[in-house]
Amino acid sequence: MDLISALQTSLAQLVGPSAIFYALLAIGLNLHFGYTGLLNFGQIGFALLGGYGVGIMAVKYDLPIWLGSIIGIAAAGLLALVLGLPTLRLRADYLAIVTIAASEILRLIFRSTSTDSVTGSTNGLFGYADGFYSLSPFDNGKQYSFAGVKFQGSDLWSMVVGWLLVALLCLFVFLLVRSPWGRVLKAVREDEDAARSVGKNAYFYKMQALVIGGCIGGLAGVFNALQTQSINPDFFSTAQTFFAYGALILGGAATVFGPVLGAMLFWFLLSIPDVLLRQATDAGYIDLTQQQVGAVRYVLLGLAIALMMVFRPQGILGNKREVQLDAK
């Protein structure tokens, strides 16, 4: 078994485009769940609108990518507003039910043959990101190697842009949560009635957090649409939201860098057993099909997160006094 090769492949996943996408999703979820206590199980629905905002505007209406990105992010914010209006005055589980249902409804609508003329149905949309990659200082068709870790030029450009977005959002969240507005969010999370008793409109603050986090989710969808240069509705399944939650819990909720570290480790820990198991299968050490290898790696990652919940429920960077997760 080639451990060096496995490590190089996993390091590529550690900082690769997938880690960036889930870091962006998790940053939005962190604002919802970590800082405000909102249970949003449909973050991928906001990403769907962001991604399709780029694709539809570019392919169907021949608009610039930057304008499609703004439209997609605005659509994600509007969805958050629509979902929050009837649910944020009720118990937290109502928001969870509505968001997960809305994300699935959107996915089914966008893959429906009745919307084929706009969304491309199950075929999705593609061929719209040339303008984005034309700005790249790298040779998009060339492979670059850093200490044996290899990236395509196109991936390097998307990584530069993606990590810059992650850094800017971390700074944005850092400034937000340390402002008076952020302190009210934490107060609402800890005791909504107490926040109301001192004159704070808890509903208003929760709505703001939901919309901002939804827009960040939309930005994640924009990044994914540009990086992959295609959009397919089946990618935007509910499982993606739970992967982002896994990254958030792994890194630590209610921390600025927790979602980023969690997303990086999520893909690193997912890649290591995948590569090693495939090498062991090819060498004849174990008898697993390729599909079984794909399933086993998720089992191993799930066990790692379960152990994290038992021994350090606040996550790697989390603080028990900040967020209490019940690991029993």
C-alpha atoms as a PDB file:
ATOM      1  CA  MET A   1       0.000   0.000   0.000  1.00  0.00           C
ATOM      2  CA  ASP A   2       1.270   3.434  -0.967  1.00  0.00           C
ATOM      3  CA  LEU A   3       0.802   5.637   2.122  1.00  0.00           C
ATOM      4  CA  ILE A   4       2.583   8.602   0.533  1.00  0.00           C
ATOM      5  CA  SER A   5       0.202   8.583  -2.421  1.00  0.00           C
ATOM      6  CA  ALA A   6      -2.792   8.309  -0.086  1.00  0.00           C
ATOM      7  CA  LEU A   7      -1.548  11.235   1.967  1.00  0.00           C
ATOM      8  CA  GLN A   8      -0.954  13.374  -1.122  1.00  0.00           C
ATOM      9  CA  THR A   9      -4.438  12.652  -2.430  1.00  0.00           C
ATOM     10  CA  SER A  10      -5.960  13.457   0.969  1.00  0.00           C
ATOM     11  CA  LEU A  11      -3.995  16.699   1.270  1.00  0.00           C
ATOM     12  CA  ALA A  12      -5.415  17.739  -2.095  1.00  0.00           C
ATOM     13  CA  GLN A  13      -8.903  17.193  -0.642  1.00  0.00           C
ATOM     14  CA  LEU A  14      -7.941  19.066   2.535  1.00  0.00           C
ATOM     15  CA  VAL A  15      -7.548  22.353   0.652  1.00  0.00           C
ATOM     16  CA  GLY A  16      -9.450  21.517  -2.527  1.00  0.00           C
ATOM     17  CA  PRO A  17     -12.648  22.999  -4.000  1.00  0.00           C
ATOM     18  CA  SER A  18     -14.934  20.547  -2.159  1.00  0.00           C
ATOM     19  CA  ALA A  19     -13.579  21.708   1.201  1.00  0.00           C
ATOM     20  CA  ILE A  20     -14.203  25.312   0.165  1.00  0.00           C
ATOM     21  CA  PHE A  21     -17.790  24.606  -0.860  1.00  0.00           C
ATOM     22  CA  TYR A  22     -18.639  22.900   2.415  1.00  0.00           C
ATOM     23  CA  ALA A  23     -16.772  25.558   4.405  1.00  0.00           C
ATOM     24  CA  LEU A  24     -19.023  28.198   2.825  1.00  0.00           C
ATOM     25  CA  LEU A  25     -22.140  26.130   3.554  1.00  0.00           C
ATOM     26  CA  ALA A  26     -21.003  25.566   7.142  1.00  0.00           C
ATOM     27  CA  ILE A  27     -20.231  29.256   7.731  1.00  0.00           C
ATOM     28  CA  GLY A  28     -23.838  30.076   6.873  1.00  0.00           C
ATOM     29  CA  LEU A  29     -25.087  27.239   9.083  1.00  0.00           C
ATOM     30  CA  ASN A  30     -22.841  28.466  11.887  1.00  0.00           C
ATOM     31  CA  LEU A  31     -24.552  31.839  11.802  1.00  0.00           C
ATOM     32  CA  HIS A  32     -27.920  30.055  11.964  1.00  0.00           C
ATOM     33  CA  PHE A  33     -27.264  27.237  14.410  1.00  0.00           C
ATOM     34  CA  GLY A  34     -24.095  28.204  16.246  1.00  0.00           C
ATOM     35  CA  TYR A  35     -24.802  31.844  16.974  1.00  0.00           C
ATOM     36  CA  THR A  36     -28.606  32.083  16.776  1.00  0.00           C
ATOM     37  CA  GLY A  37     -29.837  28.584  17.622  1.00  0.00           C
ATOM     38  CA  LEU A  38     -31.841  28.193  14.395  1.00  0.00           C
ATOM     39  CA  LEU A  39     -32.285  24.668  13.019  1.00  0.00           C
ATOM     40  CA  ASN A  40     -31.895  25.034   9.277  1.00  0.00           C
ATOM     41  CA  PHE A  41     -31.920  21.637   7.560  1.00  0.00           C
ATOM     42  CA  GLY A  42     -32.221  23.072   4.056  1.00  0.00           C
ATOM     43  CA  GLN A  43     -29.004  25.038   3.549  1.00  0.00           C
ATOM     44  CA  ILE A  44     -28.428  23.246   0.258  1.00  0.00           C
ATOM     45  CA  GLY A  45     -31.648  24.823  -1.053  1.00  0.00           C
ATOM     46  CA  PHE A  46     -30.051  28.271  -0.752  1.00  0.00           C
ATOM     47  CA  ALA A  47     -26.974  26.940  -2.564  1.00  0.00           C
ATOM     48  CA  LEU A  48     -29.224  25.586  -5.330  1.00  0.00           C
ATOM     49  CA  LEU A  49     -30.684  29.043  -5.951  1.00  0.00           C
ATOM     50  CA  GLY A  50     -27.242  30.627  -5.930  1.00  0.00           C
ATOM     51  CA  GLY A  51     -25.850  28.130  -8.422  1.00  0.00           C
ATOM     52  CA  TYR A  52     -28.818  28.242 -10.744  1.00  0.00           C
ATOM     53  CA  GLY A  53     -28.844  32.034 -10.531  1.00  0.00           C
ATOM     54  CA  VAL A  54     -25.461  31.995 -12.274  1.00  0.00           C
ATOM     55  CA  GLY A  55     -26.326  29.235 -14.740  1.00  0.00           C
ATOM     56  CA  ILE A  56     -29.757  30.423 -15.815  1.00  0.00           C
ATOM     57  CA  MET A  57     -28.752  34.070 -16.187  1.00  0.00           C
ATOM     58  CA  ALA A  58     -25.654  33.158 -18.225  1.00  0.00           C
ATOM     59  CA  VAL A  59     -27.055  30.346 -20.388  1.00  0.00           C
ATOM     60  CA  LYS A  60     -30.648  31.421 -20.920  1.00  0.00           C
ATOM     61  CA  TYR A  61     -30.370  35.213 -20.773  1.00  0.00           C
ATOM     62  CA  ASP A  62     -26.724  35.768 -21.769  1.00  0.00           C
ATOM     63  CA  LEU A  63     -26.044  37.969 -18.751  1.00  0.00           C
ATOM     64  CA  PRO A  64     -22.592  38.420 -17.162  1.00  0.00           C
ATOM     65  CA  ILE A  65     -21.509  35.945 -14.500  1.00  0.00           C
ATOM     66  CA  TRP A  66     -21.161  38.647 -11.859  1.00  0.00           C
ATOM     67  CA  LEU A  67     -24.756  39.751 -12.393  1.00  0.00           C
ATOM     68  CA  GLY A  68     -26.016  36.161 -12.269  1.00  0.00           C
ATOM     69  CA  SER A  69     -24.106  35.701  -9.011  1.00  0.00           C
ATOM     70  CA  ILE A  70     -25.815  38.704  -7.457  1.00  0.00           C
ATOM     71  CA  ILE A  71     -29.217  37.477  -8.636  1.00  0.00           C
ATOM     72  CA  GLY A  72     -28.575  33.982  -7.267  1.00  0.00           C
ATOM     73  CA  ILE A  73     -27.463  35.278  -3.858  1.00  0.00           C
ATOM     74  CA  ALA A  74     -30.427  37.671  -3.743  1.00  0.00           C
ATOM     75  CA  ALA A  75     -32.783  34.776  -4.566  1.00  0.00           C
ATOM     76  CA  ALA A  76     -31.300  32.775  -1.678  1.00  0.00           C
ATOM     77  CA  GLY A  77     -31.866  35.720   0.668  1.00  0.00           C
ATOM     78  CA  LEU A  78     -35.446  36.072  -0.561  1.00  0.00           C
ATOM     79  CA  LEU A  79     -36.067  32.372   0.069  1.00  0.00           C
ATOM     80  CA  ALA A  80     -34.778  32.774   3.634  1.00  0.00           C
ATOM     81  CA  LEU A  81     -37.140  35.702   4.137  1.00  0.00           C
ATOM     82  CA  VAL A  82     -40.127  33.762   2.777  1.00  0.00           C
ATOM     83  CA  LEU A  83     -39.356  30.720   4.934  1.00  0.00           C
ATOM     84  CA  GLY A  84     -38.679  32.762   8.038  1.00  0.00           C
ATOM     85  CA  LEU A  85     -41.843  34.873   7.994  1.00  0.00           C
ATOM     86  CA  PRO A  86     -44.241  32.087   9.044  1.00  0.00           C
ATOM     87  CA  THR A  87     -41.845  29.955  11.096  1.00  0.00           C
ATOM     88  CA  LEU A  88     -39.556  32.110  13.245  1.00  0.00           C
ATOM     89  CA  ARG A  89     -42.361  33.040  15.635  1.00  0.00           C
ATOM     90  CA  LEU A  90     -42.967  29.331  16.295  1.00  0.00           C
ATOM     91  CA  ARG A  91     -40.849  26.565  17.855  1.00  0.00           C
ATOM     92  CA  ALA A  92     -37.431  25.779  16.379  1.00  0.00           C
ATOM     93  CA  ASP A  93     -38.556  22.453  14.892  1.00  0.00           C
ATOM     94  CA  TYR A  94     -40.978  24.224  12.543  1.00  0.00           C
ATOM     95  CA  LEU A  95     -38.090  25.992  10.821  1.00  0.00           C
ATOM     96  CA  ALA A  96     -36.252  22.661  10.503  1.00  0.00           C
ATOM     97  CA  ILE A  97     -39.280  21.024   8.872  1.00  0.00           C
ATOM     98  CA  VAL A  98     -39.952  23.915   6.509  1.00  0.00           C
ATOM     99  CA  THR A  99     -36.351  24.338   5.355  1.00  0.00           C
ATOM    100  CA  ILE A 100     -35.748  20.664   4.615  1.00  0.00           C
ATOM    101  CA  ALA A 101     -39.075  20.469   2.763  1.00  0.00           C
ATOM    102  CA  ALA A 102     -38.364  23.644   0.779  1.00  0.00           C
ATOM    103  CA  SER A 103     -34.939  22.406  -0.347  1.00  0.00           C
ATOM    104  CA  GLU A 104     -36.419  19.131  -1.586  1.00  0.00           C
ATOM    105  CA  ILE A 105     -39.305  20.920  -3.321  1.00  0.00           C
ATOM    106  CA  LEU A 106     -36.853  23.207  -5.115  1.00  0.00           C
ATOM    107  CA  ARG A 107     -34.680  20.268  -6.175  1.00  0.00           C
ATOM    108  CA  LEU A 108     -37.668  18.405  -7.608  1.00  0.00           C
ATOM    109  CA  ILE A 109     -38.951  21.507  -9.389  1.00  0.00           C
ATOM    110  CA  PHE A 110     -35.576  22.234 -10.965  1.00  0.00           C
ATOM    111  CA  ARG A 111     -35.193  18.624 -12.173  1.00  0.00           C
ATOM    112  CA  SER A 112     -38.761  18.432 -13.496  1.00  0.00           C
ATOM    113  CA  THR A 113     -39.203  18.116 -17.260  1.00  0.00           C
ATOM    114  CA  SER A 114     -41.727  20.948 -17.100  1.00  0.00           C
ATOM    115  CA  THR A 115     -38.889  23.367 -16.290  1.00  0.00           C
ATOM    116  CA  ASP A 116     -36.485  21.938 -18.877  1.00  0.00           C
ATOM    117  CA  SER A 117     -36.489  25.107 -20.988  1.00  0.00           C
ATOM    118  CA  VAL A 118     -35.095  27.108 -18.047  1.00  0.00           C
ATOM    119  CA  THR A 119     -33.228  24.712 -15.746  1.00  0.00           C
ATOM    120  CA  GLY A 120     -32.184  21.968 -18.170  1.00  0.00           C
ATOM    121  CA  SER A 121     -34.109  19.449 -16.061  1.00  0.00           C
ATOM    122  CA  THR A 122     -32.042  16.364 -15.122  1.00  0.00           C
ATOM    123  CA  ASN A 123     -29.326  17.347 -17.606  1.00  0.00           C
ATOM    124  CA  GLY A 124     -28.687  20.612 -15.775  1.00  0.00           C
ATOM    125  CA  LEU A 125     -26.769  23.535 -17.239  1.00  0.00           C
ATOM    126  CA  PHE A 126     -23.163  23.810 -18.383  1.00  0.00           C
ATOM    127  CA  GLY A 127     -20.817  25.837 -20.546  1.00  0.00           C
ATOM    128  CA  TYR A 128     -21.217  29.201 -18.823  1.00  0.00           C
ATOM    129  CA  ALA A 129     -18.004  29.653 -16.792  1.00  0.00           C
ATOM    130  CA  ASP A 130     -15.558  30.609 -19.573  1.00  0.00           C
ATOM    131  CA  GLY A 131     -15.558  34.223 -18.436  1.00  0.00           C
ATOM    132  CA  PHE A 132     -14.551  33.202 -14.926  1.00  0.00           C
ATOM    133  CA  TYR A 133     -11.643  31.015 -16.042  1.00  0.00           C
ATOM    134  CA  SER A 134     -10.478  33.568 -18.590  1.00  0.00           C
ATOM    135  CA  LEU A 135      -9.355  35.664 -15.614  1.00  0.00           C
ATOM    136  CA  SER A 136      -7.126  32.872 -14.300  1.00  0.00           C
ATOM    137  CA  PRO A 137      -3.358  33.544 -14.140  1.00  0.00           C
ATOM    138  CA  PHE A 138      -2.816  29.773 -14.374  1.00  0.00           C
ATOM    139  CA  ASP A 139      -2.838  27.565 -17.448  1.00  0.00           C
ATOM    140  CA  ASN A 140      -6.252  25.925 -16.988  1.00  0.00           C
ATOM    141  CA  GLY A 141      -5.227  22.779 -18.853  1.00  0.00           C
ATOM    142  CA  LYS A 142      -1.892  22.347 -17.095  1.00  0.00           C
ATOM    143  CA  GLN A 143      -1.294  20.251 -13.975  1.00  0.00           C
ATOM    144  CA  TYR A 144       0.673  21.869 -11.149  1.00  0.00           C
ATOM    145  CA  SER A 145       2.444  19.930  -8.397  1.00  0.00           C
ATOM    146  CA  PHE A 146       3.272  21.142  -4.884  1.00  0.00           C
ATOM    147  CA  ALA A 147       5.339  18.615  -2.900  1.00  0.00           C
ATOM    148  CA  GLY A 148       3.641  15.861  -4.850  1.00  0.00           C
ATOM    149  CA  VAL A 149       0.136  17.266  -4.323  1.00  0.00           C
ATOM    150  CA  LYS A 150      -1.292  17.858  -7.792  1.00  0.00           C
ATOM    151  CA  PHE A 151      -3.918  20.336  -8.975  1.00  0.00           C
ATOM    152  CA  GLN A 152      -5.253  21.323 -12.357  1.00  0.00           C
ATOM    153  CA  GLY A 153      -4.755  24.971 -13.254  1.00  0.00           C
ATOM    154  CA  SER A 154      -8.509  25.522 -13.303  1.00  0.00           C
ATOM    155  CA  ASP A 155      -8.813  24.075  -9.797  1.00  0.00           C
ATOM    156  CA  LEU A 156      -5.992  26.307  -8.554  1.00  0.00           C
ATOM    157  CA  TRP A 157      -7.794  29.405  -9.798  1.00  0.00           C
ATOM    158  CA  SER A 158     -11.069  28.384  -8.178  1.00  0.00           C
ATOM    159  CA  MET A 159      -9.171  27.597  -4.955  1.00  0.00           C
ATOM    160  CA  VAL A 160      -7.539  31.046  -4.896  1.00  0.00           C
ATOM    161  CA  VAL A 161     -10.917  32.716  -5.343  1.00  0.00           C
ATOM    162  CA  GLY A 162     -12.671  30.303  -2.968  1.00  0.00           C
ATOM    163  CA  TRP A 163     -10.235  30.612  -0.072  1.00  0.00           C
ATOM    164  CA  LEU A 164     -10.274  34.385  -0.486  1.00  0.00           C
ATOM    165  CA  LEU A 165     -14.070  34.282  -0.128  1.00  0.00           C
ATOM    166  CA  VAL A 166     -13.754  32.049   2.946  1.00  0.00           C
ATOM    167  CA  ALA A 167     -11.239  34.443   4.525  1.00  0.00           C
ATOM    168  CA  LEU A 168     -13.462  37.471   3.856  1.00  0.00           C
ATOM    169  CA  LEU A 169     -16.509  35.697   5.294  1.00  0.00           C
ATOM    170  CA  CYS A 170     -14.576  34.662   8.413  1.00  0.00           C
ATOM    171  CA  LEU A 171     -13.600  38.306   8.914  1.00  0.00           C
ATOM    172  CA  PHE A 172     -17.225  39.335   8.308  1.00  0.00           C
ATOM    173  CA  VAL A 173     -18.530  36.829  10.871  1.00  0.00           C
ATOM    174  CA  PHE A 174     -15.797  37.821  13.342  1.00  0.00           C
ATOM    175  CA  LEU A 175     -16.862  41.468  13.157  1.00  0.00           C
ATOM    176  CA  LEU A 176     -20.564  40.602  13.273  1.00  0.00           C
ATOM    177  CA  VAL A 177     -20.519  38.387  16.347  1.00  0.00           C
ATOM    178  CA  ARG A 178     -18.383  40.824  18.307  1.00  0.00           C
ATOM    179  CA  SER A 179     -20.682  43.735  17.567  1.00  0.00           C
ATOM    180  CA  PRO A 180     -23.741  44.646  19.669  1.00  0.00           C
ATOM    181  CA  TRP A 181     -25.831  42.887  17.010  1.00  0.00           C
ATOM    182  CA  GLY A 182     -23.881  39.673  17.497  1.00  0.00           C
ATOM    183  CA  ARG A 183     -24.208  39.839  21.255  1.00  0.00           C
ATOM    184  CA  VAL A 184     -27.981  40.092  20.884  1.00  0.00           C
ATOM    185  CA  LEU A 185     -27.917  36.997  18.650  1.00  0.00           C
ATOM    186  CA  LYS A 186     -26.158  35.042  21.380  1.00  0.00           C
ATOM    187  CA  ALA A 187     -28.642  36.313  23.937  1.00  0.00           C
ATOM    188  CA  VAL A 188     -31.522  35.128  21.738  1.00  0.00           C
ATOM    189  CA  ARG A 189     -29.853  31.742  21.395  1.00  0.00           C
ATOM    190  CA  GLU A 190     -29.368  31.361  25.147  1.00  0.00           C
ATOM    191  CA  ASP A 191     -32.744  32.653  26.324  1.00  0.00           C
ATOM    192  CA  GLU A 192     -35.158  34.256  23.892  1.00  0.00           C
ATOM    193  CA  ASP A 193     -37.579  35.327  26.613  1.00  0.00           C
ATOM    194  CA  ALA A 194     -34.821  37.078  28.536  1.00  0.00           C
ATOM    195  CA  ALA A 195     -33.763  38.929  25.365  1.00  0.00           C
ATOM    196  CA  ARG A 196     -37.348  40.079  24.843  1.00  0.00           C
ATOM    197  CA  SER A 197     -37.602  41.205  28.463  1.00  0.00           C
ATOM    198  CA  VAL A 198     -34.879  43.811  27.889  1.00  0.00           C
ATOM    199  CA  GLY A 199     -36.602  45.179  24.798  1.00  0.00           C
ATOM    200  CA  LYS A 200     -34.911  43.194  22.002  1.00  0.00           C
ATOM    201  CA  ASN A 201     -37.032  42.067  19.066  1.00  0.00           C
ATOM    202  CA  ALA A 202     -35.928  38.419  18.911  1.00  0.00           C
ATOM    203  CA  TYR A 203     -37.958  37.725  15.770  1.00  0.00           C
ATOM    204  CA  PHE A 204     -36.267  40.585  13.921  1.00  0.00           C
ATOM    205  CA  TYR A 205     -32.769  39.427  14.873  1.00  0.00           C
ATOM    206  CA  LYS A 206     -33.480  35.805  13.972  1.00  0.00           C
ATOM    207  CA  MET A 207     -34.825  36.892  10.606  1.00  0.00           C
ATOM    208  CA  GLN A 208     -31.692  38.909   9.900  1.00  0.00           C
ATOM    209  CA  ALA A 209     -29.462  35.964  10.829  1.00  0.00           C
ATOM    210  CA  LEU A 210     -31.517  33.591   8.660  1.00  0.00           C
ATOM    211  CA  VAL A 211     -31.289  35.888   5.630  1.00  0.00           C
ATOM    212  CA  ILE A 212     -27.543  36.541   6.017  1.00  0.00           C
ATOM    213  CA  GLY A 213     -26.790  32.837   6.497  1.00  0.00           C
ATOM    214  CA  GLY A 214     -29.008  32.011   3.513  1.00  0.00           C
ATOM    215  CA  CYS A 215     -27.106  34.481   1.338  1.00  0.00           C
ATOM    216  CA  ILE A 216     -23.841  32.836   2.411  1.00  0.00           C
ATOM    217  CA  GLY A 217     -25.366  29.506   1.365  1.00  0.00           C
ATOM    218  CA  GLY A 218     -26.253  31.091  -1.977  1.00  0.00           C
ATOM    219  CA  LEU A 219     -22.633  32.222  -2.335  1.00  0.00           C
ATOM    220  CA  ALA A 220     -21.555  28.604  -1.763  1.00  0.00           C
ATOM    221  CA  GLY A 221     -23.805  27.594  -4.655  1.00  0.00           C
ATOM    222  CA  VAL A 222     -22.292  30.305  -6.866  1.00  0.00           C
ATOM    223  CA  PHE A 223     -18.791  29.056  -6.087  1.00  0.00           C
ATOM    224  CA  ASN A 224     -19.743  25.437  -6.805  1.00  0.00           C
ATOM    225  CA  ALA A 225     -21.403  26.382 -10.092  1.00  0.00           C
ATOM    226  CA  LEU A 226     -18.311  28.246 -11.261  1.00  0.00           C
ATOM    227  CA  GLN A 227     -15.821  25.667 -10.010  1.00  0.00           C
ATOM    228  CA  THR A 228     -17.545  22.645 -11.554  1.00  0.00           C
ATOM    229  CA  GLN A 229     -18.640  24.643 -14.628  1.00  0.00           C
ATOM    230  CA  SER A 230     -21.967  22.806 -14.518  1.00  0.00           C
ATOM    231  CA  ILE A 231     -25.106  22.516 -12.404  1.00  0.00           C
ATOM    232  CA  ASN A 232     -27.194  19.403 -11.865  1.00  0.00           C
ATOM    233  CA  PRO A 233     -30.239  19.384  -9.557  1.00  0.00           C
ATOM    234  CA  ASP A 234     -29.473  15.919  -8.182  1.00  0.00           C
ATOM    235  CA  PHE A 235     -26.285  17.243  -6.588  1.00  0.00           C
ATOM    236  CA  PHE A 236     -28.336  19.518  -4.317  1.00  0.00           C
ATOM    237  CA  SER A 237     -29.698  16.750  -2.121  1.00  0.00           C
ATOM    238  CA  THR A 238     -30.486  16.982   1.582  1.00  0.00           C
ATOM    239  CA  ALA A 239     -27.385  14.907   2.359  1.00  0.00           C
ATOM    240  CA  GLN A 240     -25.203  17.893   1.447  1.00  0.00           C
ATOM    241  CA  THR A 241     -26.720  19.926   4.292  1.00  0.00           C
ATOM    242  CA  PHE A 242     -25.966  17.157   6.763  1.00  0.00           C
ATOM    243  CA  PHE A 243     -22.390  16.928   5.474  1.00  0.00           C
ATOM    244  CA  ALA A 244     -22.081  20.640   6.223  1.00  0.00           C
ATOM    245  CA  TYR A 245     -23.511  20.036   9.704  1.00  0.00           C
ATOM    246  CA  GLY A 246     -20.948  17.267  10.170  1.00  0.00           C
ATOM    247  CA  ALA A 247     -18.177  19.709   9.248  1.00  0.00           C
ATOM    248  CA  LEU A 248     -19.612  22.326  11.623  1.00  0.00           C
ATOM    249  CA  ILE A 249     -19.831  19.908  14.547  1.00  0.00           C
ATOM    250  CA  LEU A 250     -16.362  18.558  13.811  1.00  0.00           C
ATOM    251  CA  GLY A 251     -14.737  21.998  13.781  1.00  0.00           C
ATOM    252  CA  GLY A 252     -16.867  23.565  16.497  1.00  0.00           C
ATOM    253  CA  ALA A 253     -20.096  25.573  16.300  1.00  0.00           C
ATOM    254  CA  ALA A 254     -20.198  29.212  17.418  1.00  0.00           C
ATOM    255  CA  THR A 255     -16.544  29.713  16.456  1.00  0.00           C
ATOM    256  CA  VAL A 256     -15.257  31.781  13.562  1.00  0.00           C
ATOM    257  CA  PHE A 257     -12.818  29.227  12.133  1.00  0.00           C
ATOM    258  CA  GLY A 258     -14.588  26.051  13.304  1.00  0.00           C
ATOM    259  CA  PRO A 259     -16.641  25.595  10.101  1.00  0.00           C
ATOM    260  CA  VAL A 260     -13.536  26.042   7.948  1.00  0.00           C
ATOM    261  CA  LEU A 261     -11.380  23.617   9.934  1.00  0.00           C
ATOM    262  CA  GLY A 262     -14.274  21.150  10.098  1.00  0.00           C
ATOM    263  CA  ALA A 263     -14.832  21.222   6.319  1.00  0.00           C
ATOM    264  CA  MET A 264     -11.134  20.656   5.659  1.00  0.00           C
ATOM    265  CA  LEU A 265     -10.919  17.755   8.116  1.00  0.00           C
ATOM    266  CA  PHE A 266     -14.209  16.314   6.844  1.00  0.00           C
ATOM    267  CA  TRP A 267     -12.804  15.835   3.347  1.00  0.00           C
ATOM    268  CA  PHE A 268      -9.384  14.790   4.597  1.00  0.00           C
ATOM    269  CA  LEU A 269     -10.872  12.083   6.840  1.00  0.00           C
ATOM    270  CA  LEU A 270     -13.197  11.009   4.027  1.00  0.00           C
ATOM    271  CA  SER A 271     -10.361  10.735   1.506  1.00  0.00           C
ATOM    272  CA  ILE A 272      -7.764   8.822   3.582  1.00  0.00           C
ATOM    273  CA  PRO A 273      -9.825   5.621   4.113  1.00  0.00           C
ATOM    274  CA  ASP A 274     -11.184   5.828   0.556  1.00  0.00           C
ATOM    275  CA  VAL A 275      -7.707   5.767  -0.998  1.00  0.00           C
ATOM    276  CA  LEU A 276      -6.336   3.143   1.411  1.00  0.00           C
ATOM    277  CA  LEU A 277      -9.345   0.846   1.022  1.00  0.00           C
ATOM    278  CA  ARG A 278      -9.167   1.051  -2.773  1.00  0.00           C
ATOM    279  CA  GLN A 279      -5.446   0.268  -2.675  1.00  0.00           C
ATOM    280  CA  ALA A 280      -6.092  -2.689  -0.361  1.00  0.00           C
ATOM    281  CA  THR A 281      -8.874  -3.918  -2.645  1.00  0.00           C
ATOM    282  CA  ASP A 282      -6.703  -3.671  -5.761  1.00  0.00           C
ATOM    283  CA  ALA A 283      -3.891  -5.521  -3.958  1.00  0.00           C
ATOM    284  CA  GLY A 284      -6.270  -8.306  -2.913  1.00  0.00           C
ATOM    285  CA  TYR A 285      -5.921  -7.731   0.837  1.00  0.00           C
ATOM    286  CA  ILE A 286      -9.660  -7.237   1.265  1.00  0.00           C
ATOM    287  CA  ASP A 287     -12.652  -8.171  -0.841  1.00  0.00           C
ATOM    288  CA  LEU A 288     -14.793  -5.083  -1.342  1.00  0.00           C
ATOM    289  CA  THR A 289     -16.534  -3.687  -4.399  1.00  0.00           C
ATOM    290  CA  GLN A 290     -16.018  -0.063  -5.360  1.00  0.00           C
ATOM    291  CA  GLN A 291     -19.533   0.739  -4.107  1.00  0.00           C
ATOM    292  CA  GLN A 292     -18.789  -0.906  -0.773  1.00  0.00           C
ATOM    293  CA  VAL A 293     -15.592   1.106  -0.402  1.00  0.00           C
ATOM    294  CA  GLY A 294     -17.609   4.289  -0.928  1.00  0.00           C
ATOM    295  CA  ALA A 295     -20.044   3.227   1.800  1.00  0.00           C
ATOM    296  CA  VAL A 296     -17.370   2.090   4.283  1.00  0.00           C
ATOM    297  CA  ARG A 297     -15.573   5.439   4.173  1.00  0.00           C
ATOM    298  CA  TYR A 298     -18.769   7.189   5.298  1.00  0.00           C
ATOM    299  CA  VAL A 299     -19.192   4.626   8.074  1.00  0.00           C
ATOM    300  CA  LEU A 300     -15.668   5.345   9.315  1.00  0.00           C
ATOM    301  CA  LEU A 301     -16.203   9.099   9.119  1.00  0.00           C
ATOM    302  CA  GLY A 302     -19.502   8.736  10.983  1.00  0.00           C
ATOM    303  CA  LEU A 303     -17.739   6.806  13.736  1.00  0.00           C
ATOM    304  CA  ALA A 304     -15.131   9.549  13.999  1.00  0.00           C
ATOM    305  CA  ILE A 305     -17.831  12.219  14.390  1.00  0.00           C
ATOM    306  CA  ALA A 306     -19.697  10.038  16.919  1.00  0.00           C
ATOM    307  CA  LEU A 307     -16.522   9.707  18.992  1.00  0.00           C
ATOM    308  CA  MET A 308     -16.060  13.452  18.744  1.00  0.00           C
ATOM    309  CA  MET A 309     -19.573  13.965  20.108  1.00  0.00           C
ATOM    310  CA  VAL A 310     -18.787  11.670  23.051  1.00  0.00           C
ATOM    311  CA  PHE A 311     -15.358  12.969  24.043  1.00  0.00           C
ATOM    312  CA  ARG A 312     -15.463  16.563  22.787  1.00  0.00           C
ATOM    313  CA  PRO A 313     -19.053  17.524  21.930  1.00  0.00           C
ATOM    314  CA  GLN A 314     -18.151  21.184  21.425  1.00  0.00           C
ATOM    315  CA  GLY A 315     -15.879  20.286  18.478  1.00  0.00           C
ATOM    316  CA  ILE A 316     -12.176  20.883  17.983  1.00  0.00           C
ATOM    317  CA  LEU A 317     -12.263  24.671  18.374  1.00  0.00           C
ATOM    318  CA  GLY A 318     -15.548  24.952  20.281  1.00  0.00           C
ATOM    319  CA  ASN A 319     -16.121  26.134  23.826  1.00  0.00           C
ATOM    320  CA  LYS A 320     -18.508  24.246  26.120  1.00  0.00           C
ATOM    321  CA  ARG A 321     -19.670  27.510  27.640  1.00  0.00           C
ATOM    322  CA  GLU A 322     -20.534  28.846  24.201  1.00  0.00           C
ATOM    323  CA  VAL A 323     -22.624  25.984  22.813  1.00  0.00           C
ATOM    324  CA  GLN A 324     -23.825  22.856  24.593  1.00  0.00           C
ATOM    325  CA  LEU A 325     -24.457  19.883  22.324  1.00  0.00           C
ATOM    326  CA  ASP A 326     -26.073  16.861  23.946  1.00  0.00           C
ATOM    327  CA  ALA A 327     -23.816  13.921  23.129  1.00  0.00           C
ATOM    328  CA  LYS A 328     -25.695  11.368  25.250  1.00  0.00           C
END
